[in-house]
Amino acid sequence: MDSPLALVLHVDALSILFAFMGSSIGLLVLLYSIGYMAHDKAATRFYCTMLIFIGGFIGLVFSANLFVFYLCWELVGLCSFSLVGFWYTNRGAVAGARKVLLMTHLAATVCSLPYWSSITAPAALCGPIQRRPQLHHRHLPADARCARGQERAGPAAYLDSRSHEAPTPVSSLLHAACYVTSGVYLAARMHSFGVWPASWGATLVWIGTVTMAVGVMYAMVQTDLKRMLAFSTVSQIGYMMMGIGIGTPLAITAGLLHCLNHGFFKGGLFLNAGSVQHATGTRDMNKLGGLAQKMPHTTISG
């Protein structure tokens, strides 16, 4: 318990919710991957990385001290880099993986530097992250920046890079179900620190509102199927952060419920997009139409 490396777990409703989301959606994605990766020679590497990613995400939400939380956070980020660049012979995938690594880790590290630099006692590092009223007002600004940075870094890295070159199961798990929602988890976890200052709740509400509006406007003008879903993810995360920023029990519950709902339906939509691309050879929505008769099973599942 005194060591920052102590593997202490904290189980509550919030951690169970996100662990359930990561494990259940991860299971569905892995089942989908059986057919998708059937003819890939590097399937073993793919499954190992996916399992490490899911395990890192579950460890993140169950971690009971800040140091292990940060290690799991970085493990998830490294797995994201590896999975986006899975087809490393494709130059587009490699470029996308580099951008994902740069944007996600830069946002998380820079935004969390004020937090780590403000901790002077070793006990603070290995102390529980669930109840820390004495650190609340001093660390809340850094925590809020870290949460917002991670919440936006995942979608932004996906949109601004060529990470759509990654296998479809990767897009579904990383950019719809797990990685981009880790910022939502951190923001929700911050409510257990104590009462938020009104200014920080209002700031998070405004950021969530702007994120929601900008994401949906960009989604409306996309012609690439995956990019449209990714911009939609940005908008939906804005909904979640807005609910958490409002801070009332009903608003937080609504934001977390939408997070769970979004993980399942957006993950399924990404998998459907992969099926459409596999069958037609394109993601250009201007060239797609009349697929209901040719792909009835995909139509029903969508």
Protein backbone atom coordinates (compact mmCIF):
# COMPACT_ATOMS: atom_id res chain seq x y z
CA MET A 1 0.00 0.00 0.00
CA ASP A 2 2.92 2.41 0.67
CA SER A 3 4.57 1.78 -2.69
CA PRO A 4 3.39 3.68 -5.77
CA LEU A 5 3.64 0.38 -7.66
CA ALA A 6 1.21 -1.41 -5.34
CA LEU A 7 -1.44 -3.09 -7.45
CA VAL A 8 -4.44 -1.98 -5.43
CA LEU A 9 -7.87 -2.10 -7.03
CA HIS A 10 -10.80 0.16 -6.31
CA VAL A 11 -14.17 -1.26 -7.33
CA ASP A 12 -17.22 0.96 -7.45
CA ALA A 13 -20.13 1.59 -9.81
CA LEU A 14 -18.16 3.92 -12.06
CA SER A 15 -15.23 1.57 -12.55
CA ILE A 16 -17.55 -1.40 -13.09
CA LEU A 17 -19.46 0.53 -15.76
CA PHE A 18 -16.35 1.33 -17.80
CA ALA A 19 -14.81 -2.11 -17.24
CA PHE A 20 -18.04 -3.70 -18.46
CA MET A 21 -18.02 -1.45 -21.51
CA GLY A 22 -14.41 -2.21 -22.36
CA SER A 23 -14.65 -5.97 -21.82
CA SER A 24 -18.03 -6.55 -23.47
CA ILE A 25 -17.40 -4.39 -26.53
CA GLY A 26 -13.89 -5.80 -26.71
CA LEU A 27 -15.34 -9.32 -26.76
CA LEU A 28 -17.71 -8.44 -29.61
CA VAL A 29 -14.92 -6.80 -31.58
CA LEU A 30 -12.67 -9.83 -31.11
CA LEU A 31 -15.44 -12.12 -32.32
CA TYR A 32 -15.85 -9.92 -35.40
CA SER A 33 -12.08 -10.07 -35.91
CA ILE A 34 -12.11 -13.87 -36.31
CA GLY A 35 -13.47 -13.51 -39.82
CA TYR A 36 -11.88 -10.15 -40.55
CA MET A 37 -8.34 -11.29 -39.71
CA ALA A 38 -8.71 -14.88 -40.89
CA HIS A 39 -6.25 -14.50 -43.77
CA ASP A 40 -3.80 -12.10 -42.12
CA LYS A 41 -0.43 -13.66 -41.34
CA ALA A 42 0.09 -11.33 -38.37
CA ALA A 43 -3.18 -12.20 -36.68
CA THR A 44 -1.38 -13.43 -33.54
CA ARG A 45 0.26 -10.04 -33.05
CA PHE A 46 -3.09 -8.37 -33.62
CA TYR A 47 -4.91 -10.43 -30.99
CA CYS A 48 -2.11 -10.06 -28.43
CA THR A 49 -2.07 -6.27 -28.80
CA MET A 50 -5.86 -6.06 -28.64
CA LEU A 51 -5.94 -8.12 -25.45
CA ILE A 52 -3.21 -6.00 -23.86
CA PHE A 53 -5.16 -2.89 -24.83
CA ILE A 54 -8.37 -4.17 -23.25
CA GLY A 55 -6.47 -5.29 -20.14
CA GLY A 56 -4.79 -1.89 -19.85
CA PHE A 57 -8.12 -0.10 -20.12
CA ILE A 58 -9.67 -2.29 -17.42
CA GLY A 59 -6.61 -1.74 -15.22
CA LEU A 60 -6.97 2.00 -15.76
CA VAL A 61 -10.54 2.16 -14.50
CA PHE A 62 -9.86 -0.17 -11.54
CA SER A 63 -6.55 1.40 -10.44
CA ALA A 64 -6.58 2.78 -6.90
CA ASN A 65 -3.46 4.97 -7.06
CA LEU A 66 -2.28 7.65 -9.43
CA PHE A 67 0.95 6.03 -10.55
CA VAL A 68 -0.64 2.77 -11.72
CA PHE A 69 -3.44 4.80 -13.30
CA TYR A 70 -0.87 6.72 -15.35
CA LEU A 71 1.00 3.56 -16.33
CA CYS A 72 -2.20 1.94 -17.57
CA TRP A 73 -3.06 5.13 -19.42
CA GLU A 74 0.26 5.04 -21.26
CA LEU A 75 -0.04 1.30 -21.93
CA VAL A 76 -3.37 1.92 -23.64
CA GLY A 77 -1.79 4.70 -25.68
CA LEU A 78 1.10 2.52 -26.81
CA CYS A 79 -1.27 -0.25 -27.83
CA SER A 80 -3.26 2.31 -29.79
CA PHE A 81 -0.09 3.31 -31.64
CA SER A 82 0.73 -0.32 -32.39
CA LEU A 83 -2.77 -1.15 -33.60
CA VAL A 84 -3.18 1.90 -35.84
CA GLY A 85 0.16 1.04 -37.45
CA PHE A 86 -0.61 -2.67 -37.55
CA TRP A 87 -0.17 -2.87 -41.33
CA TYR A 88 3.24 -1.25 -41.13
CA THR A 89 4.07 -1.94 -44.79
CA ASN A 90 1.40 0.64 -45.61
CA ARG A 91 3.03 4.07 -45.39
CA GLY A 92 -0.32 5.69 -44.63
CA ALA A 93 -0.82 3.43 -41.60
CA VAL A 94 2.68 4.21 -40.31
CA ALA A 95 2.10 7.95 -40.68
CA GLY A 96 -1.24 7.64 -38.93
CA ALA A 97 0.29 5.67 -36.05
CA ARG A 98 2.97 8.32 -35.55
CA LYS A 99 0.37 11.07 -35.41
CA VAL A 100 -1.75 9.08 -32.95
CA LEU A 101 1.27 8.56 -30.69
CA LEU A 102 2.30 12.19 -30.89
CA MET A 103 -1.09 13.77 -30.38
CA THR A 104 -2.43 11.50 -27.66
CA HIS A 105 0.73 11.34 -25.56
CA LEU A 106 1.57 14.99 -26.05
CA ALA A 107 -1.90 16.04 -24.93
CA ALA A 108 -1.93 13.67 -21.95
CA THR A 109 1.62 14.45 -20.83
CA VAL A 110 1.54 18.22 -21.22
CA CYS A 111 -1.86 18.55 -19.60
CA SER A 112 -0.87 16.36 -16.65
CA LEU A 113 2.50 18.04 -15.97
CA PRO A 114 0.99 20.67 -13.64
CA TYR A 115 -0.66 17.87 -11.69
CA TRP A 116 2.49 15.82 -11.21
CA SER A 117 4.66 18.85 -10.47
CA SER A 118 2.28 19.97 -7.72
CA ILE A 119 2.63 16.69 -5.84
CA THR A 120 5.46 17.01 -3.37
CA ALA A 121 4.84 14.17 -0.93
CA PRO A 122 5.54 10.57 -2.06
CA ALA A 123 2.40 9.49 -0.23
CA ALA A 124 0.34 11.64 -2.55
CA LEU A 125 1.55 9.65 -5.53
CA CYS A 126 0.55 6.29 -4.17
CA GLY A 127 -2.53 7.51 -2.35
CA PRO A 128 -6.02 6.69 -3.51
CA ILE A 129 -7.36 8.67 -6.45
CA GLN A 130 -10.97 8.32 -5.35
CA ARG A 131 -10.99 10.51 -2.23
CA ARG A 132 -8.52 13.36 -2.09
CA PRO A 133 -10.30 16.46 -0.75
CA GLN A 134 -7.04 18.05 0.33
CA LEU A 135 -5.79 18.00 -3.27
CA HIS A 136 -9.05 18.87 -4.91
CA HIS A 137 -8.94 22.64 -5.40
CA ARG A 138 -5.24 22.66 -6.18
CA HIS A 139 -5.31 19.84 -8.75
CA LEU A 140 -8.72 20.21 -10.33
CA PRO A 141 -7.55 22.60 -13.09
CA ALA A 142 -4.79 20.18 -14.13
CA ASP A 143 -7.15 17.20 -13.91
CA ALA A 144 -9.70 19.02 -16.03
CA ARG A 145 -7.11 19.89 -18.69
CA CYS A 146 -5.86 16.30 -18.71
CA ALA A 147 -9.37 14.92 -19.10
CA ARG A 148 -10.24 17.35 -21.88
CA GLY A 149 -6.92 16.74 -23.60
CA GLN A 150 -7.36 12.97 -23.59
CA GLU A 151 -11.03 13.23 -24.53
CA ARG A 152 -10.17 15.24 -27.63
CA ALA A 153 -6.79 13.71 -28.46
CA GLY A 154 -8.19 10.33 -29.49
CA PRO A 155 -10.76 11.65 -31.99
CA ALA A 156 -8.45 14.44 -33.16
CA ALA A 157 -5.62 12.00 -33.83
CA TYR A 158 -8.02 9.79 -35.75
CA LEU A 159 -9.40 12.64 -37.81
CA ASP A 160 -6.22 14.54 -38.50
CA SER A 161 -4.14 11.51 -39.39
CA ARG A 162 -4.53 8.57 -41.71
CA SER A 163 -5.38 6.17 -38.91
CA HIS A 164 -8.41 5.04 -40.92
CA GLU A 165 -5.81 2.83 -42.60
CA ALA A 166 -5.97 0.64 -39.48
CA PRO A 167 -8.06 -2.56 -39.41
CA THR A 168 -11.74 -1.89 -38.83
CA PRO A 169 -11.83 -3.65 -35.41
CA VAL A 170 -9.16 -1.19 -34.26
CA SER A 171 -11.29 1.78 -35.29
CA SER A 172 -14.26 0.30 -33.47
CA LEU A 173 -12.49 -0.45 -30.20
CA LEU A 174 -10.10 2.47 -29.92
CA HIS A 175 -12.00 5.37 -31.39
CA ALA A 176 -15.56 4.50 -30.41
CA ALA A 177 -15.59 2.30 -27.34
CA CYS A 178 -12.53 2.61 -25.12
CA TYR A 179 -9.64 4.97 -25.70
CA VAL A 180 -11.54 8.18 -26.38
CA THR A 181 -13.84 7.52 -23.41
CA SER A 182 -10.94 7.36 -20.95
CA GLY A 183 -11.13 11.15 -20.72
CA VAL A 184 -14.82 10.84 -19.88
CA TYR A 185 -13.93 8.38 -17.12
CA LEU A 186 -11.33 10.73 -15.66
CA ALA A 187 -13.76 13.66 -15.70
CA ALA A 188 -16.42 11.56 -13.99
CA ARG A 189 -13.89 10.26 -11.44
CA MET A 190 -12.96 13.85 -10.55
CA HIS A 191 -16.43 14.26 -9.03
CA SER A 192 -15.38 11.91 -6.23
CA PHE A 193 -12.69 14.41 -5.19
CA GLY A 194 -15.32 16.69 -3.73
CA VAL A 195 -17.52 19.58 -4.81
CA TRP A 196 -16.40 21.21 -8.06
CA PRO A 197 -15.87 24.96 -8.25
CA ALA A 198 -18.69 26.42 -10.34
CA SER A 199 -16.25 27.93 -12.83
CA TRP A 200 -14.82 24.53 -13.77
CA GLY A 201 -18.22 22.98 -14.25
CA ALA A 202 -19.24 25.88 -16.49
CA THR A 203 -15.98 25.61 -18.47
CA LEU A 204 -16.53 21.91 -19.10
CA VAL A 205 -20.13 22.57 -20.18
CA TRP A 206 -19.02 25.17 -22.72
CA ILE A 207 -16.22 22.97 -24.06
CA GLY A 208 -18.64 20.05 -24.37
CA THR A 209 -21.17 22.24 -26.18
CA VAL A 210 -18.62 23.59 -28.67
CA THR A 211 -17.18 20.10 -29.23
CA MET A 212 -20.67 18.75 -29.85
CA ALA A 213 -21.56 21.46 -32.37
CA VAL A 214 -18.27 21.45 -34.27
CA GLY A 215 -18.16 17.64 -34.46
CA VAL A 216 -21.64 17.29 -35.91
CA MET A 217 -21.07 20.10 -38.46
CA TYR A 218 -17.92 18.42 -39.74
CA ALA A 219 -19.65 15.03 -39.80
CA MET A 220 -22.37 16.40 -42.09
CA VAL A 221 -19.92 17.29 -44.87
CA GLN A 222 -17.84 14.09 -44.92
CA THR A 223 -17.91 11.64 -47.81
CA ASP A 224 -15.62 9.02 -46.23
CA LEU A 225 -17.74 6.64 -44.17
CA LYS A 226 -15.22 6.15 -41.37
CA ARG A 227 -14.38 9.84 -41.11
CA MET A 228 -18.05 10.67 -40.83
CA LEU A 229 -18.40 8.22 -37.94
CA ALA A 230 -15.25 9.60 -36.31
CA PHE A 231 -16.51 13.19 -36.43
CA SER A 232 -19.79 11.95 -35.03
CA THR A 233 -17.81 10.45 -32.15
CA VAL A 234 -16.35 13.89 -31.41
CA SER A 235 -19.88 15.29 -31.21
CA GLN A 236 -21.14 12.51 -28.96
CA ILE A 237 -18.24 12.88 -26.54
CA GLY A 238 -19.20 16.54 -26.31
CA TYR A 239 -22.62 15.39 -25.07
CA MET A 240 -21.00 13.23 -22.39
CA MET A 241 -18.63 15.94 -21.16
CA MET A 242 -21.45 18.47 -21.09
CA GLY A 243 -23.51 16.22 -18.82
CA ILE A 244 -20.56 15.64 -16.49
CA GLY A 245 -19.82 19.35 -16.45
CA ILE A 246 -23.36 20.21 -15.37
CA GLY A 247 -22.58 18.15 -12.29
CA THR A 248 -26.04 17.22 -11.01
CA PRO A 249 -26.66 13.52 -10.26
CA LEU A 250 -29.16 13.30 -13.13
CA ALA A 251 -26.81 14.99 -15.61
CA ILE A 252 -23.83 12.82 -14.65
CA THR A 253 -25.99 9.69 -14.91
CA ALA A 254 -27.22 10.79 -18.33
CA GLY A 255 -23.68 11.45 -19.53
CA LEU A 256 -22.43 8.06 -18.36
CA LEU A 257 -25.45 6.24 -19.76
CA HIS A 258 -24.87 7.90 -23.11
CA CYS A 259 -21.21 6.87 -22.91
CA LEU A 260 -22.26 3.23 -22.53
CA ASN A 261 -24.90 3.52 -25.23
CA HIS A 262 -22.50 5.25 -27.61
CA GLY A 263 -19.81 2.63 -27.13
CA PHE A 264 -22.13 -0.13 -28.30
CA PHE A 265 -23.88 1.59 -31.18
CA LYS A 266 -20.85 3.45 -32.56
CA GLY A 267 -18.68 0.36 -32.26
CA GLY A 268 -21.29 -1.54 -34.26
CA LEU A 269 -21.43 1.20 -36.87
CA PHE A 270 -17.65 1.06 -37.34
CA LEU A 271 -17.86 -2.70 -37.81
CA ASN A 272 -20.63 -2.23 -40.35
CA ALA A 273 -18.47 0.30 -42.16
CA GLY A 274 -15.74 -2.33 -42.35
CA SER A 275 -18.18 -4.84 -43.83
CA VAL A 276 -19.30 -2.31 -46.44
CA GLN A 277 -15.71 -1.47 -47.36
CA HIS A 278 -14.79 -5.15 -47.59
CA ALA A 279 -17.75 -5.88 -49.87
CA THR A 280 -17.55 -2.80 -52.10
CA GLY A 281 -13.88 -1.82 -51.95
CA THR A 282 -14.66 1.81 -51.06
CA ARG A 283 -15.77 4.04 -48.19
CA ASP A 284 -16.84 6.92 -50.44
CA MET A 285 -20.51 7.46 -49.63
CA ASN A 286 -21.06 9.12 -53.02
CA LYS A 287 -20.43 5.72 -54.59
CA LEU A 288 -22.47 3.72 -52.08
CA GLY A 289 -26.17 3.13 -52.47
CA GLY A 290 -28.69 0.36 -52.86
CA LEU A 291 -26.75 -1.92 -50.51
CA ALA A 292 -29.82 -3.19 -48.63
CA GLN A 293 -30.57 -5.88 -51.22
CA LYS A 294 -26.93 -6.85 -51.73
CA MET A 295 -25.99 -6.87 -48.03
CA PRO A 296 -29.18 -7.78 -46.12
CA HIS A 297 -27.40 -9.06 -42.99
CA THR A 298 -25.30 -5.93 -42.66
CA THR A 299 -28.42 -3.82 -43.24
CA ILE A 300 -30.30 -5.56 -40.43
CA SER A 301 -27.36 -5.32 -38.02
CA GLY A 302 -26.94 -1.62 -38.80
